[in-house]
């Protein structure tokens, strides 16, 4: 079995100058792609990683629901007249979500095997990456086994810059956004502490600011740096060394 991004097939259709879109045309195009292009076999995650991925997605959904109801409750309390029944209902919903989150957090350690525990310990040695971030990164990347280069990891999480150079026109379009927005937002929060405690990230952050760039761009570069450090540490199986030099 091969797993190919739909965007790859779409770009392939543009190269082939296919203008019609039907089920028959799509089937022919996918077959033609499979016959002519080199692909790597799809390797599914371990059972515990698959379950962890589902649990973490549920955790994200519960946190979003809790935040939504909390904001709704906060706005209701600003009104001149309050319906106590509505307030109590929102409070009970929030308490119910909090109980479900507690149950979920108790289930997570039961799904962790020795490999995950060891790699999580390695990642937590990086200044700026904690328990939750290390777990999310390892589950999302299958212990970085699906990636052969740190650049591909940065692209996967949407923190790699996109450049457009053509003649005299040179612009930075932005970041290559992906569906990993939740993990990207957590990495952005990690960058706040990384610029204070991680020597390499701090040097990178200050160097970008000295060039006159904005703080947000510098923090995104720190996110990229954290991913590269995580990739190198898992591949080498060595803890983070602040004074490391090639």
C-alpha atoms as a PDB file:
ATOM      1  CA  UNK A   1       0.000   0.000   0.000  1.00  0.00           C
ATOM      2  CA  UNK A   2       1.221   3.498  -0.844  1.00  0.00           C
ATOM      3  CA  UNK A   3      -0.081   6.649   0.818  1.00  0.00           C
ATOM      4  CA  UNK A   4       0.089   9.748  -1.390  1.00  0.00           C
ATOM      5  CA  UNK A   5      -1.033  13.278  -0.608  1.00  0.00           C
ATOM      6  CA  UNK A   6      -4.043  14.376  -2.713  1.00  0.00           C
ATOM      7  CA  UNK A   7      -2.186  17.634  -3.375  1.00  0.00           C
ATOM      8  CA  UNK A   8       0.575  15.627  -5.080  1.00  0.00           C
ATOM      9  CA  UNK A   9      -1.960  14.072  -7.472  1.00  0.00           C
ATOM     10  CA  UNK A  10      -3.481  17.507  -8.102  1.00  0.00           C
ATOM     11  CA  UNK A  11      -0.101  19.011  -9.018  1.00  0.00           C
ATOM     12  CA  UNK A  12       0.612  15.987 -11.214  1.00  0.00           C
ATOM     13  CA  UNK A  13      -2.664  16.639 -13.057  1.00  0.00           C
ATOM     14  CA  UNK A  14      -1.609  20.265 -13.621  1.00  0.00           C
ATOM     15  CA  UNK A  15       1.708  19.096 -15.090  1.00  0.00           C
ATOM     16  CA  UNK A  16      -0.159  16.713 -17.395  1.00  0.00           C
ATOM     17  CA  UNK A  17      -2.461  19.621 -18.352  1.00  0.00           C
ATOM     18  CA  UNK A  18      -5.593  17.685 -17.367  1.00  0.00           C
ATOM     19  CA  UNK A  19      -8.553  20.071 -17.434  1.00  0.00           C
ATOM     20  CA  UNK A  20     -11.529  17.728 -16.912  1.00  0.00           C
ATOM     21  CA  UNK A  21     -12.438  16.214 -13.536  1.00  0.00           C
ATOM     22  CA  UNK A  22     -14.471  13.019 -13.488  1.00  0.00           C
ATOM     23  CA  UNK A  23     -14.202   9.764 -11.565  1.00  0.00           C
ATOM     24  CA  UNK A  24     -12.907   7.976 -14.671  1.00  0.00           C
ATOM     25  CA  UNK A  25     -10.303  10.665 -15.380  1.00  0.00           C
ATOM     26  CA  UNK A  26      -9.171  10.662 -11.743  1.00  0.00           C
ATOM     27  CA  UNK A  27      -8.801   6.872 -11.750  1.00  0.00           C
ATOM     28  CA  UNK A  28      -6.685   6.976 -14.921  1.00  0.00           C
ATOM     29  CA  UNK A  29      -4.567   9.799 -13.528  1.00  0.00           C
ATOM     30  CA  UNK A  30      -3.890   7.998 -10.221  1.00  0.00           C
ATOM     31  CA  UNK A  31      -2.975   4.801 -12.054  1.00  0.00           C
ATOM     32  CA  UNK A  32      -0.647   6.724 -14.384  1.00  0.00           C
ATOM     33  CA  UNK A  33       0.979   8.393 -11.348  1.00  0.00           C
ATOM     34  CA  UNK A  34       1.486   5.027  -9.649  1.00  0.00           C
ATOM     35  CA  UNK A  35       3.094   3.490 -12.719  1.00  0.00           C
ATOM     36  CA  UNK A  36       5.530   6.324 -13.450  1.00  0.00           C
ATOM     37  CA  UNK A  37       6.504   7.787 -10.086  1.00  0.00           C
ATOM     38  CA  UNK A  38       8.695   6.271  -7.370  1.00  0.00           C
ATOM     39  CA  UNK A  39       6.940   5.904  -4.027  1.00  0.00           C
ATOM     40  CA  UNK A  40       7.829   4.528  -0.611  1.00  0.00           C
ATOM     41  CA  UNK A  41       5.706   1.841   0.995  1.00  0.00           C
ATOM     42  CA  UNK A  42       3.270   2.994   3.669  1.00  0.00           C
ATOM     43  CA  UNK A  43       4.313   1.872   7.145  1.00  0.00           C
ATOM     44  CA  UNK A  44       1.475   2.069   9.677  1.00  0.00           C
ATOM     45  CA  UNK A  45       2.092   3.190  13.225  1.00  0.00           C
ATOM     46  CA  UNK A  46       2.196   0.798  16.146  1.00  0.00           C
ATOM     47  CA  UNK A  47      -1.136   0.030  17.762  1.00  0.00           C
ATOM     48  CA  UNK A  48      -0.339   2.036  20.910  1.00  0.00           C
ATOM     49  CA  UNK A  49       0.736   5.078  18.834  1.00  0.00           C
ATOM     50  CA  UNK A  50      -2.474   4.916  16.818  1.00  0.00           C
ATOM     51  CA  UNK A  51      -4.532   4.822  20.012  1.00  0.00           C
ATOM     52  CA  UNK A  52      -2.469   7.646  21.500  1.00  0.00           C
ATOM     53  CA  UNK A  53      -3.031   9.736  18.377  1.00  0.00           C
ATOM     54  CA  UNK A  54      -6.789   9.322  18.764  1.00  0.00           C
ATOM     55  CA  UNK A  55      -6.635  10.123  22.481  1.00  0.00           C
ATOM     56  CA  UNK A  56      -4.588  13.276  21.825  1.00  0.00           C
ATOM     57  CA  UNK A  57      -7.055  14.425  19.156  1.00  0.00           C
ATOM     58  CA  UNK A  58      -9.869  13.887  21.650  1.00  0.00           C
ATOM     59  CA  UNK A  59      -7.912  15.882  24.250  1.00  0.00           C
ATOM     60  CA  UNK A  60      -7.597  18.746  21.785  1.00  0.00           C
ATOM     61  CA  UNK A  61     -11.343  18.677  21.029  1.00  0.00           C
ATOM     62  CA  UNK A  62     -12.224  18.656  24.731  1.00  0.00           C
ATOM     63  CA  UNK A  63      -9.905  21.597  25.425  1.00  0.00           C
ATOM     64  CA  UNK A  64     -11.498  23.558  22.574  1.00  0.00           C
ATOM     65  CA  UNK A  65     -14.996  22.798  23.871  1.00  0.00           C
ATOM     66  CA  UNK A  66     -13.985  23.853  27.379  1.00  0.00           C
ATOM     67  CA  UNK A  67     -12.520  27.122  26.062  1.00  0.00           C
ATOM     68  CA  UNK A  68     -15.657  27.803  23.993  1.00  0.00           C
ATOM     69  CA  UNK A  69     -18.043  27.273  26.902  1.00  0.00           C
ATOM     70  CA  UNK A  70     -15.792  29.246  29.266  1.00  0.00           C
ATOM     71  CA  UNK A  71     -15.805  32.253  26.932  1.00  0.00           C
ATOM     72  CA  UNK A  72     -19.570  31.968  26.542  1.00  0.00           C
ATOM     73  CA  UNK A  73     -20.007  31.882  30.308  1.00  0.00           C
ATOM     74  CA  UNK A  74     -17.685  34.860  30.759  1.00  0.00           C
ATOM     75  CA  UNK A  75     -19.683  36.937  28.263  1.00  0.00           C
ATOM     76  CA  UNK A  76     -22.998  35.989  29.904  1.00  0.00           C
ATOM     77  CA  UNK A  77     -21.785  37.173  33.297  1.00  0.00           C
ATOM     78  CA  UNK A  78     -21.272  40.660  31.862  1.00  0.00           C
ATOM     79  CA  UNK A  79     -25.008  41.067  31.275  1.00  0.00           C
ATOM     80  CA  UNK A  80     -27.131  43.198  33.609  1.00  0.00           C
ATOM     81  CA  UNK A  81     -29.627  40.379  34.222  1.00  0.00           C
ATOM     82  CA  UNK A  82     -28.502  36.792  34.592  1.00  0.00           C
ATOM     83  CA  UNK A  83     -30.526  33.626  34.172  1.00  0.00           C
ATOM     84  CA  UNK A  84     -29.120  31.413  36.921  1.00  0.00           C
ATOM     85  CA  UNK A  85     -30.370  28.232  35.232  1.00  0.00           C
ATOM     86  CA  UNK A  86     -28.361  28.996  32.095  1.00  0.00           C
ATOM     87  CA  UNK A  87     -25.271  29.836  34.165  1.00  0.00           C
ATOM     88  CA  UNK A  88     -25.547  26.565  36.102  1.00  0.00           C
ATOM     89  CA  UNK A  89     -25.971  24.606  32.880  1.00  0.00           C
ATOM     90  CA  UNK A  90     -22.791  26.071  31.378  1.00  0.00           C
ATOM     91  CA  UNK A  91     -20.908  25.433  34.640  1.00  0.00           C
ATOM     92  CA  UNK A  92     -22.044  21.791  34.678  1.00  0.00           C
ATOM     93  CA  UNK A  93     -20.925  21.395  31.034  1.00  0.00           C
ATOM     94  CA  UNK A  94     -17.476  22.762  31.868  1.00  0.00           C
ATOM     95  CA  UNK A  95     -17.157  20.507  34.950  1.00  0.00           C
ATOM     96  CA  UNK A  96     -18.177  17.498  32.841  1.00  0.00           C
ATOM     97  CA  UNK A  97     -15.510  18.301  30.250  1.00  0.00           C
ATOM     98  CA  UNK A  98     -12.879  18.734  32.984  1.00  0.00           C
ATOM     99  CA  UNK A  99     -13.760  15.285  34.406  1.00  0.00           C
ATOM    100  CA  UNK A 100     -13.446  13.738  30.932  1.00  0.00           C
ATOM    101  CA  UNK A 101     -10.031  15.373  30.496  1.00  0.00           C
ATOM    102  CA  UNK A 102      -8.897  13.950  33.855  1.00  0.00           C
ATOM    103  CA  UNK A 103      -9.997  10.447  32.795  1.00  0.00           C
ATOM    104  CA  UNK A 104      -8.203  10.848  29.464  1.00  0.00           C
ATOM    105  CA  UNK A 105      -4.953  11.941  31.126  1.00  0.00           C
ATOM    106  CA  UNK A 106      -5.050   8.817  33.314  1.00  0.00           C
ATOM    107  CA  UNK A 107      -5.408   6.626  30.208  1.00  0.00           C
ATOM    108  CA  UNK A 108      -2.398   8.099  28.380  1.00  0.00           C
ATOM    109  CA  UNK A 109       0.421   6.529  30.494  1.00  0.00           C
ATOM    110  CA  UNK A 110      -1.100   3.051  29.979  1.00  0.00           C
ATOM    111  CA  UNK A 111      -0.554   3.384  26.211  1.00  0.00           C
ATOM    112  CA  UNK A 112       3.121   4.358  26.469  1.00  0.00           C
ATOM    113  CA  UNK A 113       5.675   1.641  25.705  1.00  0.00           C
ATOM    114  CA  UNK A 114       9.389   1.643  26.610  1.00  0.00           C
ATOM    115  CA  UNK A 115      10.454   3.200  23.295  1.00  0.00           C
ATOM    116  CA  UNK A 116       8.058   6.089  23.773  1.00  0.00           C
ATOM    117  CA  UNK A 117       9.149   6.671  27.358  1.00  0.00           C
ATOM    118  CA  UNK A 118      12.841   6.676  26.408  1.00  0.00           C
ATOM    119  CA  UNK A 119      12.358   9.040  23.455  1.00  0.00           C
ATOM    120  CA  UNK A 120      10.152  11.311  25.522  1.00  0.00           C
ATOM    121  CA  UNK A 121      12.907  11.565  28.122  1.00  0.00           C
ATOM    122  CA  UNK A 122      15.383  12.508  25.378  1.00  0.00           C
ATOM    123  CA  UNK A 123      13.113  15.235  24.001  1.00  0.00           C
ATOM    124  CA  UNK A 124      12.428  16.684  27.439  1.00  0.00           C
ATOM    125  CA  UNK A 125      16.170  17.260  27.809  1.00  0.00           C
ATOM    126  CA  UNK A 126      15.763  20.089  25.258  1.00  0.00           C
ATOM    127  CA  UNK A 127      15.209  23.405  27.013  1.00  0.00           C
ATOM    128  CA  UNK A 128      11.759  24.546  25.916  1.00  0.00           C
ATOM    129  CA  UNK A 129      10.114  21.173  25.236  1.00  0.00           C
ATOM    130  CA  UNK A 130       7.990  19.619  27.967  1.00  0.00           C
ATOM    131  CA  UNK A 131       5.901  16.508  28.605  1.00  0.00           C
ATOM    132  CA  UNK A 132       2.926  17.309  26.364  1.00  0.00           C
ATOM    133  CA  UNK A 133       4.970  18.671  23.453  1.00  0.00           C
ATOM    134  CA  UNK A 134       7.328  15.689  23.402  1.00  0.00           C
ATOM    135  CA  UNK A 135       4.390  13.265  23.402  1.00  0.00           C
ATOM    136  CA  UNK A 136       2.633  15.131  20.577  1.00  0.00           C
ATOM    137  CA  UNK A 137       5.784  15.245  18.440  1.00  0.00           C
ATOM    138  CA  UNK A 138       6.602  11.558  18.860  1.00  0.00           C
ATOM    139  CA  UNK A 139       3.072  10.382  18.112  1.00  0.00           C
ATOM    140  CA  UNK A 140       2.626  12.706  15.126  1.00  0.00           C
ATOM    141  CA  UNK A 141       5.950  11.711  13.524  1.00  0.00           C
ATOM    142  CA  UNK A 142       6.065   8.021  14.539  1.00  0.00           C
ATOM    143  CA  UNK A 143       9.294   8.683  16.486  1.00  0.00           C
ATOM    144  CA  UNK A 144      10.571  10.656  13.437  1.00  0.00           C
ATOM    145  CA  UNK A 145      10.895   7.348  11.538  1.00  0.00           C
ATOM    146  CA  UNK A 146       8.921   8.712   8.584  1.00  0.00           C
ATOM    147  CA  UNK A 147      11.404  11.544   7.987  1.00  0.00           C
ATOM    148  CA  UNK A 148      14.916  11.409   6.579  1.00  0.00           C
ATOM    149  CA  UNK A 149      15.825  15.078   6.970  1.00  0.00           C
ATOM    150  CA  UNK A 150      14.919  17.841   9.470  1.00  0.00           C
ATOM    151  CA  UNK A 151      13.730  20.078   6.607  1.00  0.00           C
ATOM    152  CA  UNK A 152      10.924  17.644   5.853  1.00  0.00           C
ATOM    153  CA  UNK A 153       9.888  17.781   9.536  1.00  0.00           C
ATOM    154  CA  UNK A 154       9.702  21.588   9.389  1.00  0.00           C
ATOM    155  CA  UNK A 155       7.562  21.416   6.248  1.00  0.00           C
ATOM    156  CA  UNK A 156       5.300  18.802   7.840  1.00  0.00           C
ATOM    157  CA  UNK A 157       4.517  21.051  10.803  1.00  0.00           C
ATOM    158  CA  UNK A 158       4.283  24.215   8.696  1.00  0.00           C
ATOM    159  CA  UNK A 159       7.168  26.261  10.126  1.00  0.00           C
ATOM    160  CA  UNK A 160       9.443  26.242   7.065  1.00  0.00           C
ATOM    161  CA  UNK A 161       9.663  29.579   5.184  1.00  0.00           C
ATOM    162  CA  UNK A 162       8.540  29.714   1.559  1.00  0.00           C
ATOM    163  CA  UNK A 163      10.673  31.843  -0.750  1.00  0.00           C
ATOM    164  CA  UNK A 164       9.782  33.258  -4.165  1.00  0.00           C
ATOM    165  CA  UNK A 165      12.754  34.444  -6.246  1.00  0.00           C
ATOM    166  CA  UNK A 166      12.238  35.293  -9.888  1.00  0.00           C
ATOM    167  CA  UNK A 167      14.509  37.803 -11.622  1.00  0.00           C
ATOM    168  CA  UNK A 168      14.623  40.958  -9.523  1.00  0.00           C
ATOM    169  CA  UNK A 169      11.553  39.923  -7.555  1.00  0.00           C
ATOM    170  CA  UNK A 170      12.442  38.422  -4.184  1.00  0.00           C
ATOM    171  CA  UNK A 171       9.755  37.939  -1.560  1.00  0.00           C
ATOM    172  CA  UNK A 172       8.988  35.633   1.341  1.00  0.00           C
ATOM    173  CA  UNK A 173       5.479  34.288   0.877  1.00  0.00           C
ATOM    174  CA  UNK A 174       5.208  33.038   4.435  1.00  0.00           C
ATOM    175  CA  UNK A 175       5.127  29.616   6.052  1.00  0.00           C
ATOM    176  CA  UNK A 176       3.980  26.417   4.357  1.00  0.00           C
ATOM    177  CA  UNK A 177       0.889  25.863   6.494  1.00  0.00           C
ATOM    178  CA  UNK A 178      -0.278  22.304   7.098  1.00  0.00           C
ATOM    179  CA  UNK A 179      -3.052  20.621   9.057  1.00  0.00           C
ATOM    180  CA  UNK A 180      -0.828  20.363  12.164  1.00  0.00           C
ATOM    181  CA  UNK A 181      -2.010  23.730  13.457  1.00  0.00           C
ATOM    182  CA  UNK A 182      -2.563  22.494  17.017  1.00  0.00           C
ATOM    183  CA  UNK A 183       1.011  21.213  17.421  1.00  0.00           C
ATOM    184  CA  UNK A 184       2.359  24.306  15.662  1.00  0.00           C
ATOM    185  CA  UNK A 185       0.585  26.551  18.184  1.00  0.00           C
ATOM    186  CA  UNK A 186       2.059  24.541  21.081  1.00  0.00           C
ATOM    187  CA  UNK A 187       5.529  24.814  19.526  1.00  0.00           C
ATOM    188  CA  UNK A 188       5.013  28.573  19.306  1.00  0.00           C
ATOM    189  CA  UNK A 189       4.328  28.678  23.061  1.00  0.00           C
ATOM    190  CA  UNK A 190       7.431  26.514  23.639  1.00  0.00           C
ATOM    191  CA  UNK A 191       9.493  29.091  21.746  1.00  0.00           C
ATOM    192  CA  UNK A 192       8.718  31.672  24.465  1.00  0.00           C
ATOM    193  CA  UNK A 193      10.640  29.689  27.073  1.00  0.00           C
ATOM    194  CA  UNK A 194      13.216  28.436  24.557  1.00  0.00           C
ATOM    195  CA  UNK A 195      14.480  31.965  23.848  1.00  0.00           C
ATOM    196  CA  UNK A 196      15.228  32.303  27.567  1.00  0.00           C
ATOM    197  CA  UNK A 197      16.641  28.893  28.501  1.00  0.00           C
ATOM    198  CA  UNK A 198      17.869  27.346  25.217  1.00  0.00           C
ATOM    199  CA  UNK A 199      21.244  28.868  24.294  1.00  0.00           C
ATOM    200  CA  UNK A 200      21.067  28.033  20.575  1.00  0.00           C
ATOM    201  CA  UNK A 201      17.484  29.240  20.230  1.00  0.00           C
ATOM    202  CA  UNK A 202      18.297  32.436  22.123  1.00  0.00           C
ATOM    203  CA  UNK A 203      21.243  33.186  19.805  1.00  0.00           C
ATOM    204  CA  UNK A 204      19.069  32.577  16.736  1.00  0.00           C
ATOM    205  CA  UNK A 205      16.265  34.771  18.109  1.00  0.00           C
ATOM    206  CA  UNK A 206      18.613  37.687  18.881  1.00  0.00           C
ATOM    207  CA  UNK A 207      20.361  37.373  15.518  1.00  0.00           C
ATOM    208  CA  UNK A 208      17.062  37.668  13.628  1.00  0.00           C
ATOM    209  CA  UNK A 209      15.931  40.646  15.717  1.00  0.00           C
ATOM    210  CA  UNK A 210      19.232  42.418  15.008  1.00  0.00           C
ATOM    211  CA  UNK A 211      18.414  42.200  11.299  1.00  0.00           C
ATOM    212  CA  UNK A 212      15.272  44.250  11.930  1.00  0.00           C
ATOM    213  CA  UNK A 213      12.811  41.356  11.612  1.00  0.00           C
ATOM    214  CA  UNK A 214       9.643  41.186  13.707  1.00  0.00           C
ATOM    215  CA  UNK A 215       9.434  39.107  16.900  1.00  0.00           C
ATOM    216  CA  UNK A 216       6.805  36.735  15.513  1.00  0.00           C
ATOM    217  CA  UNK A 217       9.053  35.771  12.603  1.00  0.00           C
ATOM    218  CA  UNK A 218      11.944  35.216  15.012  1.00  0.00           C
ATOM    219  CA  UNK A 219       9.775  32.982  17.219  1.00  0.00           C
ATOM    220  CA  UNK A 220       8.698  30.899  14.215  1.00  0.00           C
ATOM    221  CA  UNK A 221      12.389  30.435  13.389  1.00  0.00           C
ATOM    222  CA  UNK A 222      12.877  29.221  16.968  1.00  0.00           C
ATOM    223  CA  UNK A 223      10.047  26.689  16.419  1.00  0.00           C
ATOM    224  CA  UNK A 224      11.947  25.466  13.378  1.00  0.00           C
ATOM    225  CA  UNK A 225      15.121  25.225  15.467  1.00  0.00           C
ATOM    226  CA  UNK A 226      13.353  23.210  18.188  1.00  0.00           C
ATOM    227  CA  UNK A 227      12.109  20.708  15.598  1.00  0.00           C
ATOM    228  CA  UNK A 228      15.618  20.329  14.190  1.00  0.00           C
ATOM    229  CA  UNK A 229      17.009  19.731  17.665  1.00  0.00           C
ATOM    230  CA  UNK A 230      14.289  17.168  18.381  1.00  0.00           C
ATOM    231  CA  UNK A 231      15.004  15.379  15.086  1.00  0.00           C
ATOM    232  CA  UNK A 232      18.750  15.236  15.759  1.00  0.00           C
ATOM    233  CA  UNK A 233      18.341  14.001  19.323  1.00  0.00           C
ATOM    234  CA  UNK A 234      15.952  11.168  18.432  1.00  0.00           C
ATOM    235  CA  UNK A 235      18.127  10.069  15.511  1.00  0.00           C
ATOM    236  CA  UNK A 236      21.345  10.136  17.560  1.00  0.00           C
ATOM    237  CA  UNK A 237      19.740   8.843  20.790  1.00  0.00           C
ATOM    238  CA  UNK A 238      21.725  11.401  22.796  1.00  0.00           C
ATOM    239  CA  UNK A 239      20.381  13.968  25.241  1.00  0.00           C
ATOM    240  CA  UNK A 240      20.492  17.669  24.430  1.00  0.00           C
ATOM    241  CA  UNK A 241      23.929  19.279  24.867  1.00  0.00           C
ATOM    242  CA  UNK A 242      23.914  23.114  25.083  1.00  0.00           C
ATOM    243  CA  UNK A 243      27.560  23.376  24.009  1.00  0.00           C
ATOM    244  CA  UNK A 244      27.340  20.775  21.245  1.00  0.00           C
ATOM    245  CA  UNK A 245      29.475  21.419  18.136  1.00  0.00           C
ATOM    246  CA  UNK A 246      29.831  19.295  14.993  1.00  0.00           C
END
